[in-house]
Amino acid sequence: MASPLRATSLMSDNEGFIFLAITSYIEDQLNLRMQVVDDVDWQKRATLLDEGQIEIAWLCGLPYTLRADRPAPEIELLAAPVMAGNRYQNRPVYFSDVIVYHDSGFKTFADLRGAAWAYNEPYSHSGYNLVRYHLATLGEKSGYFGEVVQSGAHLASVQMVLDRRVDASAIDSIVLEIESQRRPELLSQLRVIETLGPSSVPPLVISRKVPQEIRQTIREALVKMDGNPSGQAALAKGRMVRLARVKDSDYDDIRYMAQKANGVKL
């Protein structure tokens, strides 16, 4: 292709370096020109993806399903991360960790009735959809928390708990692990009182406007990264062991949870 493939991450800011490592690997291995779009906010990047001005993206499973379920979907799956760590069991899944300040009196999710809660944004599975689904399984429809604040991002929710502006929040397990690695003090400042999931992990997707041969070439390179020393090094930067081949039905769990969460308010 004469023009570079434009790519972006719609994940947490602290995961951007992982996406850069993956796109750099693809660029080097396949001799494809890549342009990573990271100079505008994630909402604008999402709009650019929908407008066809971005061809490759890493995005949450919930917005993936919303796009994939359109009458004429314009994106398709490439691959999905398999994270290092026993709880991931070598599967393309992740979790939502419910965090509180370390010296709070909250021990379980049940203790959070009436508490102040922060969520990142309503198109997040781990921060919003999964929490609403969990409430649905408890028979709760609204009013479970005493106060609910939209923070705008997982890391903003973490900071609100650290600042004691809210009592708790549900954080993408990958985001929390990476941030705890960057800031080891978080391990003593925060406490996980509940883990929700597993759920299908946020995937890498590609526009169907990209020629099929190129889409397939990129997909094969991604799922074979762990067999290449430079690929292994790129994956290890993001605590990944491999990128797995996935299909649309693998995200039916998120569709199911969104359906069950319908009508539930935080």
C-alpha atoms as a PDB file:
ATOM      1  CA  MET A   1       0.000   0.000   0.000  1.00  0.00           C
ATOM      2  CA  ALA A   2       1.316   3.433  -0.956  1.00  0.00           C
ATOM      3  CA  SER A   3      -0.140   5.208   2.065  1.00  0.00           C
ATOM      4  CA  PRO A   4       0.778   4.142   5.592  1.00  0.00           C
ATOM      5  CA  LEU A   5      -1.670   2.102   7.613  1.00  0.00           C
ATOM      6  CA  ARG A   6      -2.988   4.351  10.375  1.00  0.00           C
ATOM      7  CA  ALA A   7      -3.252   2.647  13.745  1.00  0.00           C
ATOM      8  CA  THR A   8      -4.320   3.651  17.219  1.00  0.00           C
ATOM      9  CA  SER A   9      -4.956   2.363  20.710  1.00  0.00           C
ATOM     10  CA  LEU A  10      -8.257   3.144  22.380  1.00  0.00           C
ATOM     11  CA  MET A  11      -7.048   1.551  25.585  1.00  0.00           C
ATOM     12  CA  SER A  12      -5.698   3.173  28.753  1.00  0.00           C
ATOM     13  CA  ASP A  13      -2.851   5.653  28.296  1.00  0.00           C
ATOM     14  CA  ASN A  14      -0.467   3.433  30.246  1.00  0.00           C
ATOM     15  CA  GLU A  15      -0.903   0.697  27.608  1.00  0.00           C
ATOM     16  CA  GLY A  16       0.142   2.872  24.665  1.00  0.00           C
ATOM     17  CA  PHE A  17       3.731   1.629  24.739  1.00  0.00           C
ATOM     18  CA  ILE A  18       2.486  -1.943  24.206  1.00  0.00           C
ATOM     19  CA  PHE A  19       0.642  -0.949  21.049  1.00  0.00           C
ATOM     20  CA  LEU A  20       3.725   0.888  19.788  1.00  0.00           C
ATOM     21  CA  ALA A  21       5.845  -2.231  20.286  1.00  0.00           C
ATOM     22  CA  ILE A  22       3.354  -4.383  18.359  1.00  0.00           C
ATOM     23  CA  THR A  23       2.927  -1.952  15.472  1.00  0.00           C
ATOM     24  CA  SER A  24       6.712  -1.477  15.222  1.00  0.00           C
ATOM     25  CA  TYR A  25       7.137  -5.231  15.008  1.00  0.00           C
ATOM     26  CA  ILE A  26       4.582  -5.489  12.186  1.00  0.00           C
ATOM     27  CA  GLU A  27       6.210  -2.597  10.370  1.00  0.00           C
ATOM     28  CA  ASP A  28       9.635  -4.235  10.570  1.00  0.00           C
ATOM     29  CA  GLN A  29       8.555  -7.793   9.808  1.00  0.00           C
ATOM     30  CA  LEU A  30       6.209  -7.062   6.918  1.00  0.00           C
ATOM     31  CA  ASN A  31       7.852  -3.942   5.546  1.00  0.00           C
ATOM     32  CA  LEU A  32       4.577  -2.093   5.952  1.00  0.00           C
ATOM     33  CA  ARG A  33       4.453   1.609   6.647  1.00  0.00           C
ATOM     34  CA  MET A  34       2.531   2.325   9.846  1.00  0.00           C
ATOM     35  CA  GLN A  35       1.398   5.647  11.294  1.00  0.00           C
ATOM     36  CA  VAL A  36       0.364   5.513  14.950  1.00  0.00           C
ATOM     37  CA  VAL A  37      -2.247   8.157  15.764  1.00  0.00           C
ATOM     38  CA  ASP A  38      -1.797   9.220  19.375  1.00  0.00           C
ATOM     39  CA  ASP A  39      -1.862  13.022  19.252  1.00  0.00           C
ATOM     40  CA  VAL A  40      -5.610  13.426  19.869  1.00  0.00           C
ATOM     41  CA  ASP A  41      -7.855  12.196  22.690  1.00  0.00           C
ATOM     42  CA  TRP A  42      -9.337   8.700  22.572  1.00  0.00           C
ATOM     43  CA  GLN A  43     -12.814   9.966  21.721  1.00  0.00           C
ATOM     44  CA  LYS A  44     -11.464  11.627  18.578  1.00  0.00           C
ATOM     45  CA  ARG A  45      -9.488   8.475  17.732  1.00  0.00           C
ATOM     46  CA  ALA A  46     -12.688   6.425  18.033  1.00  0.00           C
ATOM     47  CA  THR A  47     -14.408   8.827  15.643  1.00  0.00           C
ATOM     48  CA  LEU A  48     -11.529   8.536  13.178  1.00  0.00           C
ATOM     49  CA  LEU A  49     -11.854   4.747  13.326  1.00  0.00           C
ATOM     50  CA  ASP A  50     -15.566   4.957  12.566  1.00  0.00           C
ATOM     51  CA  GLU A  51     -14.917   7.404   9.742  1.00  0.00           C
ATOM     52  CA  GLY A  52     -12.433   5.009   8.134  1.00  0.00           C
ATOM     53  CA  GLN A  53      -9.476   7.314   8.761  1.00  0.00           C
ATOM     54  CA  ILE A  54      -7.827   4.730  11.023  1.00  0.00           C
ATOM     55  CA  GLU A  55      -7.357   1.168   9.788  1.00  0.00           C
ATOM     56  CA  ILE A  56      -6.028  -0.717  12.823  1.00  0.00           C
ATOM     57  CA  ALA A  57      -7.088  -0.310  16.442  1.00  0.00           C
ATOM     58  CA  TRP A  58      -6.805  -1.907  19.859  1.00  0.00           C
ATOM     59  CA  LEU A  59     -10.116  -1.436  21.603  1.00  0.00           C
ATOM     60  CA  CYS A  60     -12.271  -2.728  24.428  1.00  0.00           C
ATOM     61  CA  GLY A  61     -14.480  -5.743  23.778  1.00  0.00           C
ATOM     62  CA  LEU A  62     -17.741  -3.852  24.342  1.00  0.00           C
ATOM     63  CA  PRO A  63     -17.178  -1.204  21.648  1.00  0.00           C
ATOM     64  CA  TYR A  64     -15.882  -3.985  19.398  1.00  0.00           C
ATOM     65  CA  THR A  65     -19.188  -5.844  19.677  1.00  0.00           C
ATOM     66  CA  LEU A  66     -21.178  -2.656  19.123  1.00  0.00           C
ATOM     67  CA  ARG A  67     -19.284  -2.068  15.873  1.00  0.00           C
ATOM     68  CA  ALA A  68     -19.284  -5.711  14.802  1.00  0.00           C
ATOM     69  CA  ASP A  69     -23.059  -5.951  15.260  1.00  0.00           C
ATOM     70  CA  ARG A  70     -23.827  -3.104  12.876  1.00  0.00           C
ATOM     71  CA  PRO A  71     -25.692  -4.103   9.663  1.00  0.00           C
ATOM     72  CA  ALA A  72     -22.514  -3.686   7.595  1.00  0.00           C
ATOM     73  CA  PRO A  73     -19.573  -3.955   9.998  1.00  0.00           C
ATOM     74  CA  GLU A  74     -16.472  -2.141   8.798  1.00  0.00           C
ATOM     75  CA  ILE A  75     -13.960  -3.874  11.057  1.00  0.00           C
ATOM     76  CA  GLU A  76     -12.891  -7.442  11.752  1.00  0.00           C
ATOM     77  CA  LEU A  77     -10.747  -9.141  14.351  1.00  0.00           C
ATOM     78  CA  LEU A  78      -6.988  -9.525  14.003  1.00  0.00           C
ATOM     79  CA  ALA A  79      -5.861 -11.116  17.273  1.00  0.00           C
ATOM     80  CA  ALA A  80      -6.155 -10.739  21.045  1.00  0.00           C
ATOM     81  CA  PRO A  81      -3.556 -10.632  23.832  1.00  0.00           C
ATOM     82  CA  VAL A  82      -2.854 -13.510  26.157  1.00  0.00           C
ATOM     83  CA  MET A  83      -1.405 -12.027  29.329  1.00  0.00           C
ATOM     84  CA  ALA A  84       1.319 -13.469  31.529  1.00  0.00           C
ATOM     85  CA  GLY A  85       0.171 -14.630  34.953  1.00  0.00           C
ATOM     86  CA  ASN A  86      -1.479 -17.721  36.357  1.00  0.00           C
ATOM     87  CA  ARG A  87      -4.960 -16.256  36.513  1.00  0.00           C
ATOM     88  CA  TYR A  88      -5.074 -15.782  32.735  1.00  0.00           C
ATOM     89  CA  GLN A  89      -4.481 -19.522  32.196  1.00  0.00           C
ATOM     90  CA  ASN A  90      -2.920 -18.963  28.760  1.00  0.00           C
ATOM     91  CA  ARG A  91      -6.257 -17.665  27.450  1.00  0.00           C
ATOM     92  CA  PRO A  92      -7.227 -14.347  25.768  1.00  0.00           C
ATOM     93  CA  VAL A  93      -9.158 -13.114  28.801  1.00  0.00           C
ATOM     94  CA  TYR A  94      -8.897 -10.407  31.435  1.00  0.00           C
ATOM     95  CA  PHE A  95     -10.610  -9.341  34.640  1.00  0.00           C
ATOM     96  CA  SER A  96     -12.009  -6.339  36.439  1.00  0.00           C
ATOM     97  CA  ASP A  97     -10.400  -5.762  39.828  1.00  0.00           C
ATOM     98  CA  VAL A  98     -12.490  -3.872  42.389  1.00  0.00           C
ATOM     99  CA  ILE A  99     -10.102  -1.652  44.322  1.00  0.00           C
ATOM    100  CA  VAL A 100     -10.379   0.295  47.593  1.00  0.00           C
ATOM    101  CA  TYR A 101      -7.896   2.310  49.634  1.00  0.00           C
ATOM    102  CA  HIS A 102      -5.689  -0.034  51.656  1.00  0.00           C
ATOM    103  CA  ASP A 103      -6.886   1.022  55.117  1.00  0.00           C
ATOM    104  CA  SER A 104     -10.594   1.254  54.307  1.00  0.00           C
ATOM    105  CA  GLY A 105     -13.058  -0.959  56.102  1.00  0.00           C
ATOM    106  CA  PHE A 106     -14.408  -2.525  52.899  1.00  0.00           C
ATOM    107  CA  LYS A 107     -13.717  -6.252  52.672  1.00  0.00           C
ATOM    108  CA  THR A 108     -16.109  -7.495  49.963  1.00  0.00           C
ATOM    109  CA  PHE A 109     -18.288  -6.091  47.191  1.00  0.00           C
ATOM    110  CA  ALA A 110     -21.283  -6.490  49.496  1.00  0.00           C
ATOM    111  CA  ASP A 111     -19.695  -3.931  51.832  1.00  0.00           C
ATOM    112  CA  LEU A 112     -19.873  -1.308  49.079  1.00  0.00           C
ATOM    113  CA  ARG A 113     -23.631  -0.769  49.284  1.00  0.00           C
ATOM    114  CA  GLY A 114     -24.065   2.979  49.775  1.00  0.00           C
ATOM    115  CA  ALA A 115     -20.381   3.704  49.039  1.00  0.00           C
ATOM    116  CA  ALA A 116     -18.983   6.300  46.630  1.00  0.00           C
ATOM    117  CA  TRP A 117     -18.051   4.648  43.316  1.00  0.00           C
ATOM    118  CA  ALA A 118     -16.102   5.811  40.262  1.00  0.00           C
ATOM    119  CA  TYR A 119     -16.344   4.324  36.782  1.00  0.00           C
ATOM    120  CA  ASN A 120     -14.283   5.296  33.779  1.00  0.00           C
ATOM    121  CA  GLU A 121     -16.843   5.645  30.961  1.00  0.00           C
ATOM    122  CA  PRO A 122     -20.021   3.952  29.730  1.00  0.00           C
ATOM    123  CA  TYR A 123     -18.433   2.168  26.748  1.00  0.00           C
ATOM    124  CA  SER A 124     -15.996   0.302  28.978  1.00  0.00           C
ATOM    125  CA  HIS A 125     -16.668  -3.356  29.638  1.00  0.00           C
ATOM    126  CA  SER A 126     -14.423  -3.809  32.688  1.00  0.00           C
ATOM    127  CA  GLY A 127     -15.265  -0.467  34.266  1.00  0.00           C
ATOM    128  CA  TYR A 128     -18.972  -0.220  33.502  1.00  0.00           C
ATOM    129  CA  ASN A 129     -20.674  -3.055  31.610  1.00  0.00           C
ATOM    130  CA  LEU A 130     -19.276  -5.855  33.768  1.00  0.00           C
ATOM    131  CA  VAL A 131     -20.117  -4.009  36.980  1.00  0.00           C
ATOM    132  CA  ARG A 132     -23.706  -3.527  35.848  1.00  0.00           C
ATOM    133  CA  TYR A 133     -23.880  -7.199  34.908  1.00  0.00           C
ATOM    134  CA  HIS A 134     -22.588  -8.130  38.361  1.00  0.00           C
ATOM    135  CA  LEU A 135     -25.269  -5.966  39.941  1.00  0.00           C
ATOM    136  CA  ALA A 136     -27.870  -7.664  37.741  1.00  0.00           C
ATOM    137  CA  THR A 137     -26.755 -11.072  39.044  1.00  0.00           C
ATOM    138  CA  LEU A 138     -27.332  -9.711  42.555  1.00  0.00           C
ATOM    139  CA  GLY A 139     -30.823  -8.595  41.617  1.00  0.00           C
ATOM    140  CA  GLU A 140     -29.876  -4.921  41.886  1.00  0.00           C
ATOM    141  CA  LYS A 141     -31.317  -2.464  39.361  1.00  0.00           C
ATOM    142  CA  SER A 142     -30.309   0.948  40.707  1.00  0.00           C
ATOM    143  CA  GLY A 143     -29.193   2.803  43.798  1.00  0.00           C
ATOM    144  CA  TYR A 144     -26.660   0.239  44.987  1.00  0.00           C
ATOM    145  CA  PHE A 145     -23.948   2.855  45.413  1.00  0.00           C
ATOM    146  CA  GLY A 146     -24.516   6.026  47.407  1.00  0.00           C
ATOM    147  CA  GLU A 147     -22.663   8.215  44.909  1.00  0.00           C
ATOM    148  CA  VAL A 148     -21.478   7.479  41.366  1.00  0.00           C
ATOM    149  CA  VAL A 149     -18.887   9.568  39.510  1.00  0.00           C
ATOM    150  CA  GLN A 150     -17.685   9.212  35.919  1.00  0.00           C
ATOM    151  CA  SER A 151     -13.911   9.702  35.986  1.00  0.00           C
ATOM    152  CA  GLY A 152     -13.188   9.493  32.253  1.00  0.00           C
ATOM    153  CA  ALA A 153     -10.411   6.883  32.438  1.00  0.00           C
ATOM    154  CA  HIS A 154      -9.270   3.890  34.470  1.00  0.00           C
ATOM    155  CA  LEU A 155      -6.188   5.727  35.737  1.00  0.00           C
ATOM    156  CA  ALA A 156      -8.364   8.660  36.789  1.00  0.00           C
ATOM    157  CA  SER A 157     -10.521   6.224  38.768  1.00  0.00           C
ATOM    158  CA  VAL A 158      -7.415   4.814  40.441  1.00  0.00           C
ATOM    159  CA  GLN A 159      -6.358   8.319  41.428  1.00  0.00           C
ATOM    160  CA  MET A 160      -9.796   9.111  42.835  1.00  0.00           C
ATOM    161  CA  VAL A 161      -9.511   6.092  45.124  1.00  0.00           C
ATOM    162  CA  LEU A 162      -5.979   7.111  46.120  1.00  0.00           C
ATOM    163  CA  ASP A 163      -7.208  10.626  46.891  1.00  0.00           C
ATOM    164  CA  ARG A 164     -10.152   9.183  48.864  1.00  0.00           C
ATOM    165  CA  ARG A 165     -12.567  11.098  46.671  1.00  0.00           C
ATOM    166  CA  VAL A 166     -14.431   7.829  46.138  1.00  0.00           C
ATOM    167  CA  ASP A 167     -14.432   4.555  48.026  1.00  0.00           C
ATOM    168  CA  ALA A 168     -14.001   2.080  45.184  1.00  0.00           C
ATOM    169  CA  SER A 169     -13.789   1.431  41.466  1.00  0.00           C
ATOM    170  CA  ALA A 170     -13.500  -1.485  39.029  1.00  0.00           C
ATOM    171  CA  ILE A 171     -10.256  -1.408  37.052  1.00  0.00           C
ATOM    172  CA  ASP A 172      -9.156  -3.385  33.983  1.00  0.00           C
ATOM    173  CA  SER A 173      -6.750  -5.987  35.405  1.00  0.00           C
ATOM    174  CA  ILE A 174      -4.173  -5.330  32.674  1.00  0.00           C
ATOM    175  CA  VAL A 175      -4.226  -1.595  33.354  1.00  0.00           C
ATOM    176  CA  LEU A 176      -3.856  -2.176  37.089  1.00  0.00           C
ATOM    177  CA  GLU A 177      -0.991  -4.643  36.710  1.00  0.00           C
ATOM    178  CA  ILE A 178       0.942  -2.364  34.368  1.00  0.00           C
ATOM    179  CA  GLU A 179       0.403   0.659  36.598  1.00  0.00           C
ATOM    180  CA  SER A 180       1.464  -1.323  39.664  1.00  0.00           C
ATOM    181  CA  GLN A 181       4.633  -2.303  37.839  1.00  0.00           C
ATOM    182  CA  ARG A 182       5.303   1.346  36.991  1.00  0.00           C
ATOM    183  CA  ARG A 183       4.358   2.532  40.478  1.00  0.00           C
ATOM    184  CA  PRO A 184       5.140  -0.262  42.976  1.00  0.00           C
ATOM    185  CA  GLU A 185       3.809   1.870  45.836  1.00  0.00           C
ATOM    186  CA  LEU A 186       0.281   1.156  44.585  1.00  0.00           C
ATOM    187  CA  LEU A 187       0.614  -2.391  45.906  1.00  0.00           C
ATOM    188  CA  SER A 188       0.613  -1.020  49.457  1.00  0.00           C
ATOM    189  CA  GLN A 189      -1.810   1.848  48.840  1.00  0.00           C
ATOM    190  CA  LEU A 190      -4.629  -0.117  47.228  1.00  0.00           C
ATOM    191  CA  ARG A 191      -6.417  -3.371  47.961  1.00  0.00           C
ATOM    192  CA  VAL A 192      -8.418  -5.605  45.610  1.00  0.00           C
ATOM    193  CA  ILE A 193     -11.565  -6.810  47.371  1.00  0.00           C
ATOM    194  CA  GLU A 194     -13.306  -8.524  44.452  1.00  0.00           C
ATOM    195  CA  THR A 195     -12.394  -9.735  40.972  1.00  0.00           C
ATOM    196  CA  LEU A 196     -15.080  -9.826  38.285  1.00  0.00           C
ATOM    197  CA  GLY A 197     -14.670 -11.975  35.197  1.00  0.00           C
ATOM    198  CA  PRO A 198     -13.011 -13.468  33.271  1.00  0.00           C
ATOM    199  CA  SER A 199     -14.131 -11.710  30.107  1.00  0.00           C
ATOM    200  CA  SER A 200     -12.836 -11.830  26.548  1.00  0.00           C
ATOM    201  CA  VAL A 201      -9.829  -9.537  26.340  1.00  0.00           C
ATOM    202  CA  PRO A 202      -9.764  -6.296  24.300  1.00  0.00           C
ATOM    203  CA  PRO A 203      -8.843  -7.258  20.720  1.00  0.00           C
ATOM    204  CA  LEU A 204      -6.859  -5.798  17.871  1.00  0.00           C
ATOM    205  CA  VAL A 205      -9.084  -5.049  14.879  1.00  0.00           C
ATOM    206  CA  ILE A 206      -8.597  -3.971  11.275  1.00  0.00           C
ATOM    207  CA  SER A 207     -10.740  -2.149   8.743  1.00  0.00           C
ATOM    208  CA  ARG A 208     -12.294  -4.284   6.015  1.00  0.00           C
ATOM    209  CA  LYS A 209     -11.250  -1.559   3.594  1.00  0.00           C
ATOM    210  CA  VAL A 210      -7.692  -2.857   3.877  1.00  0.00           C
ATOM    211  CA  PRO A 211      -7.122  -5.437   1.113  1.00  0.00           C
ATOM    212  CA  GLN A 212      -7.898  -8.953   2.332  1.00  0.00           C
ATOM    213  CA  GLU A 213      -4.416 -10.236   1.519  1.00  0.00           C
ATOM    214  CA  ILE A 214      -2.829  -7.575   3.712  1.00  0.00           C
ATOM    215  CA  ARG A 215      -5.349  -8.176   6.505  1.00  0.00           C
ATOM    216  CA  GLN A 216      -4.515 -11.870   6.505  1.00  0.00           C
ATOM    217  CA  THR A 217      -0.769 -11.255   6.333  1.00  0.00           C
ATOM    218  CA  ILE A 218      -0.930  -8.976   9.379  1.00  0.00           C
ATOM    219  CA  ARG A 219      -3.128 -11.450  11.261  1.00  0.00           C
ATOM    220  CA  GLU A 220      -0.717 -14.333  10.640  1.00  0.00           C
ATOM    221  CA  ALA A 221       2.272 -12.228  11.694  1.00  0.00           C
ATOM    222  CA  LEU A 222       0.552 -11.260  14.939  1.00  0.00           C
ATOM    223  CA  VAL A 223      -0.444 -14.774  15.985  1.00  0.00           C
ATOM    224  CA  LYS A 224       3.094 -15.993  15.250  1.00  0.00           C
ATOM    225  CA  MET A 225       4.875 -13.209  17.172  1.00  0.00           C
ATOM    226  CA  ASP A 226       5.747 -15.449  20.100  1.00  0.00           C
ATOM    227  CA  GLY A 227       7.760 -17.686  17.762  1.00  0.00           C
ATOM    228  CA  ASN A 228      10.082 -14.852  16.785  1.00  0.00           C
ATOM    229  CA  PRO A 229      12.743 -13.512  19.220  1.00  0.00           C
ATOM    230  CA  SER A 230      11.988  -9.874  18.400  1.00  0.00           C
ATOM    231  CA  GLY A 231       8.279 -10.646  18.630  1.00  0.00           C
ATOM    232  CA  GLN A 232       8.768 -12.252  22.015  1.00  0.00           C
ATOM    233  CA  ALA A 233      10.636  -9.158  23.193  1.00  0.00           C
ATOM    234  CA  ALA A 234       7.855  -6.856  21.984  1.00  0.00           C
ATOM    235  CA  LEU A 235       5.196  -8.962  23.709  1.00  0.00           C
ATOM    236  CA  ALA A 236       7.173  -9.163  26.934  1.00  0.00           C
ATOM    237  CA  LYS A 237       7.200  -5.360  27.175  1.00  0.00           C
ATOM    238  CA  GLY A 238       3.443  -5.550  27.685  1.00  0.00           C
ATOM    239  CA  ARG A 239       3.400  -8.628  29.941  1.00  0.00           C
ATOM    240  CA  MET A 240       1.994 -10.681  27.072  1.00  0.00           C
ATOM    241  CA  VAL A 241       2.942 -14.242  26.209  1.00  0.00           C
ATOM    242  CA  ARG A 242       1.296 -14.330  22.795  1.00  0.00           C
ATOM    243  CA  LEU A 243      -1.421 -12.927  20.571  1.00  0.00           C
ATOM    244  CA  ALA A 244      -4.216 -15.442  20.020  1.00  0.00           C
ATOM    245  CA  ARG A 245      -6.351 -16.083  16.981  1.00  0.00           C
ATOM    246  CA  VAL A 246      -9.936 -15.099  17.876  1.00  0.00           C
ATOM    247  CA  LYS A 247     -13.316 -15.118  16.164  1.00  0.00           C
ATOM    248  CA  ASP A 248     -16.368 -12.925  16.577  1.00  0.00           C
ATOM    249  CA  SER A 249     -18.288 -15.502  18.646  1.00  0.00           C
ATOM    250  CA  ASP A 250     -15.513 -15.376  21.263  1.00  0.00           C
ATOM    251  CA  TYR A 251     -17.037 -12.032  22.281  1.00  0.00           C
ATOM    252  CA  ASP A 252     -20.521 -13.425  22.851  1.00  0.00           C
ATOM    253  CA  ASP A 253     -19.805 -13.360  26.593  1.00  0.00           C
ATOM    254  CA  ILE A 254     -19.620  -9.570  26.456  1.00  0.00           C
ATOM    255  CA  ARG A 255     -22.796  -9.417  24.379  1.00  0.00           C
ATOM    256  CA  TYR A 256     -24.548 -11.627  26.929  1.00  0.00           C
ATOM    257  CA  MET A 257     -23.411  -9.492  29.857  1.00  0.00           C
ATOM    258  CA  ALA A 258     -24.480  -6.280  28.084  1.00  0.00           C
ATOM    259  CA  GLN A 259     -27.914  -7.788  27.487  1.00  0.00           C
ATOM    260  CA  LYS A 260     -28.298  -8.871  31.093  1.00  0.00           C
ATOM    261  CA  ALA A 261     -27.084  -5.463  32.305  1.00  0.00           C
ATOM    262  CA  ASN A 262     -29.705  -3.640  30.238  1.00  0.00           C
ATOM    263  CA  GLY A 263     -31.739  -1.423  32.536  1.00  0.00           C
ATOM    264  CA  VAL A 264     -29.249  -1.558  35.401  1.00  0.00           C
ATOM    265  CA  LYS A 265     -27.979   1.835  36.581  1.00  0.00           C
ATOM    266  CA  LEU A 266     -24.855   2.368  38.628  1.00  0.00           C
END
